[in-house]
Amino acid sequence: MTALGLAVAIPAVLGYNALVRGNKGISQKLNRFAHDLHAYFVTGARVSASGQVNVVPMKKPDRGKNTNGSRTWPLEPKTTATT
């Protein structure tokens, strides 16, 4: 009876350990992706595995006029010249 219990328990423990190891690997990959995504959103630069960071400055929005001359958001109050 003891041999039967060990025959069932040992493969169960080995299978459990294999599943836990796989889960840790997936968790580490997801954590690494979340860190890279956060770094990209904060800095605008893509983080590479080699440690080199290519920092590209984010483009500032043109808050003046469009190319066709119309005003963009935020709308500036129109000034009228009174003499």
C-alpha atoms as a PDB file:
ATOM      1  CA  MET A   1       0.000   0.000   0.000  1.00  0.00           C
ATOM      2  CA  THR A   2       2.855   2.388   0.808  1.00  0.00           C
ATOM      3  CA  ALA A   3       4.500   1.640  -2.534  1.00  0.00           C
ATOM      4  CA  LEU A   4       1.259   2.516  -4.339  1.00  0.00           C
ATOM      5  CA  GLY A   5       1.036   5.829  -2.465  1.00  0.00           C
ATOM      6  CA  LEU A   6       4.624   6.684  -3.342  1.00  0.00           C
ATOM      7  CA  ALA A   7       4.041   5.686  -6.971  1.00  0.00           C
ATOM      8  CA  VAL A   8       1.247   8.269  -7.141  1.00  0.00           C
ATOM      9  CA  ALA A   9       2.782  10.987  -4.947  1.00  0.00           C
ATOM     10  CA  ILE A  10       6.234  11.250  -6.545  1.00  0.00           C
ATOM     11  CA  PRO A  11       5.007  11.942 -10.121  1.00  0.00           C
ATOM     12  CA  ALA A  12       2.430  14.359  -8.700  1.00  0.00           C
ATOM     13  CA  VAL A  13       5.139  16.360  -6.905  1.00  0.00           C
ATOM     14  CA  LEU A  14       7.362  16.353 -10.009  1.00  0.00           C
ATOM     15  CA  GLY A  15       4.453  17.507 -12.169  1.00  0.00           C
ATOM     16  CA  TYR A  16       3.557  20.232  -9.671  1.00  0.00           C
ATOM     17  CA  ASN A  17       7.161  21.497  -9.609  1.00  0.00           C
ATOM     18  CA  ALA A  18       7.266  21.574 -13.431  1.00  0.00           C
ATOM     19  CA  LEU A  19       4.045  23.611 -13.552  1.00  0.00           C
ATOM     20  CA  VAL A  20       5.316  26.056 -10.906  1.00  0.00           C
ATOM     21  CA  ARG A  21       8.607  26.500 -12.803  1.00  0.00           C
ATOM     22  CA  GLY A  22       6.714  27.227 -16.036  1.00  0.00           C
ATOM     23  CA  ASN A  23       4.447  29.669 -14.243  1.00  0.00           C
ATOM     24  CA  LYS A  24       7.479  31.544 -12.838  1.00  0.00           C
ATOM     25  CA  GLY A  25       8.952  31.849 -16.330  1.00  0.00           C
ATOM     26  CA  ILE A  26       5.743  33.277 -17.764  1.00  0.00           C
ATOM     27  CA  SER A  27       5.434  35.642 -14.809  1.00  0.00           C
ATOM     28  CA  GLN A  28       9.002  36.908 -15.341  1.00  0.00           C
ATOM     29  CA  LYS A  29       8.373  37.495 -19.060  1.00  0.00           C
ATOM     30  CA  LEU A  30       5.175  39.386 -18.298  1.00  0.00           C
ATOM     31  CA  ASN A  31       6.919  41.478 -15.636  1.00  0.00           C
ATOM     32  CA  ARG A  32       9.754  42.316 -18.062  1.00  0.00           C
ATOM     33  CA  PHE A  33       7.227  43.329 -20.736  1.00  0.00           C
ATOM     34  CA  ALA A  34       5.314  45.513 -18.265  1.00  0.00           C
ATOM     35  CA  HIS A  35       8.556  47.228 -17.224  1.00  0.00           C
ATOM     36  CA  ASP A  36       9.561  47.875 -20.850  1.00  0.00           C
ATOM     37  CA  LEU A  37       6.087  49.173 -21.703  1.00  0.00           C
ATOM     38  CA  HIS A  38       6.107  51.516 -18.712  1.00  0.00           C
ATOM     39  CA  ALA A  39       9.594  52.770 -19.622  1.00  0.00           C
ATOM     40  CA  TYR A  40       8.408  53.404 -23.192  1.00  0.00           C
ATOM     41  CA  PHE A  41       5.384  55.382 -22.042  1.00  0.00           C
ATOM     42  CA  VAL A  42       7.429  57.442 -19.579  1.00  0.00           C
ATOM     43  CA  THR A  43      10.507  58.175 -21.704  1.00  0.00           C
ATOM     44  CA  GLY A  44       9.334  57.625 -25.252  1.00  0.00           C
ATOM     45  CA  ALA A  45      12.366  55.392 -25.791  1.00  0.00           C
ATOM     46  CA  ARG A  46      12.526  51.731 -26.538  1.00  0.00           C
ATOM     47  CA  VAL A  47      14.607  49.722 -24.068  1.00  0.00           C
ATOM     48  CA  SER A  48      16.740  47.044 -25.709  1.00  0.00           C
ATOM     49  CA  ALA A  49      18.086  43.855 -24.178  1.00  0.00           C
ATOM     50  CA  SER A  50      21.684  44.976 -24.750  1.00  0.00           C
ATOM     51  CA  GLY A  51      21.234  47.871 -22.354  1.00  0.00           C
ATOM     52  CA  GLN A  52      21.471  50.546 -25.031  1.00  0.00           C
ATOM     53  CA  VAL A  53      18.657  53.057 -24.893  1.00  0.00           C
ATOM     54  CA  ASN A  54      17.687  55.078 -27.924  1.00  0.00           C
ATOM     55  CA  VAL A  55      16.070  58.171 -26.436  1.00  0.00           C
ATOM     56  CA  VAL A  56      13.952  59.972 -28.968  1.00  0.00           C
ATOM     57  CA  PRO A  57      12.450  63.267 -27.797  1.00  0.00           C
ATOM     58  CA  MET A  58       8.706  63.330 -27.996  1.00  0.00           C
ATOM     59  CA  LYS A  59       7.235  65.682 -30.568  1.00  0.00           C
ATOM     60  CA  LYS A  60       5.623  68.711 -29.009  1.00  0.00           C
ATOM     61  CA  PRO A  61       2.126  69.389 -30.308  1.00  0.00           C
ATOM     62  CA  ASP A  62       1.713  72.486 -32.419  1.00  0.00           C
ATOM     63  CA  ARG A  63      -0.767  74.542 -30.450  1.00  0.00           C
ATOM     64  CA  GLY A  64      -0.739  77.489 -32.807  1.00  0.00           C
ATOM     65  CA  LYS A  65      -2.259  77.104 -36.223  1.00  0.00           C
ATOM     66  CA  ASN A  66      -2.820  74.238 -38.597  1.00  0.00           C
ATOM     67  CA  THR A  67      -1.136  74.171 -41.962  1.00  0.00           C
ATOM     68  CA  ASN A  68      -4.302  75.564 -43.516  1.00  0.00           C
ATOM     69  CA  GLY A  69      -4.277  78.551 -41.134  1.00  0.00           C
ATOM     70  CA  SER A  70      -7.237  77.510 -38.964  1.00  0.00           C
ATOM     71  CA  ARG A  71      -6.880  77.559 -35.211  1.00  0.00           C
ATOM     72  CA  THR A  72      -6.350  74.359 -33.250  1.00  0.00           C
ATOM     73  CA  TRP A  73      -7.108  73.355 -29.680  1.00  0.00           C
ATOM     74  CA  PRO A  74      -6.805  75.074 -27.259  1.00  0.00           C
ATOM     75  CA  LEU A  75      -8.647  77.883 -28.877  1.00  0.00           C
ATOM     76  CA  GLU A  76      -7.078  81.197 -28.202  1.00  0.00           C
ATOM     77  CA  PRO A  77      -9.401  84.155 -27.737  1.00  0.00           C
ATOM     78  CA  LYS A  78      -9.696  86.219 -30.844  1.00  0.00           C
ATOM     79  CA  THR A  79      -8.422  89.703 -30.356  1.00  0.00           C
ATOM     80  CA  THR A  80     -10.075  92.566 -32.141  1.00  0.00           C
ATOM     81  CA  ALA A  81      -8.217  95.755 -32.712  1.00  0.00           C
ATOM     82  CA  THR A  82     -10.193  98.784 -31.601  1.00  0.00           C
ATOM     83  CA  THR A  83      -8.928 102.234 -32.335  1.00  0.00           C
END
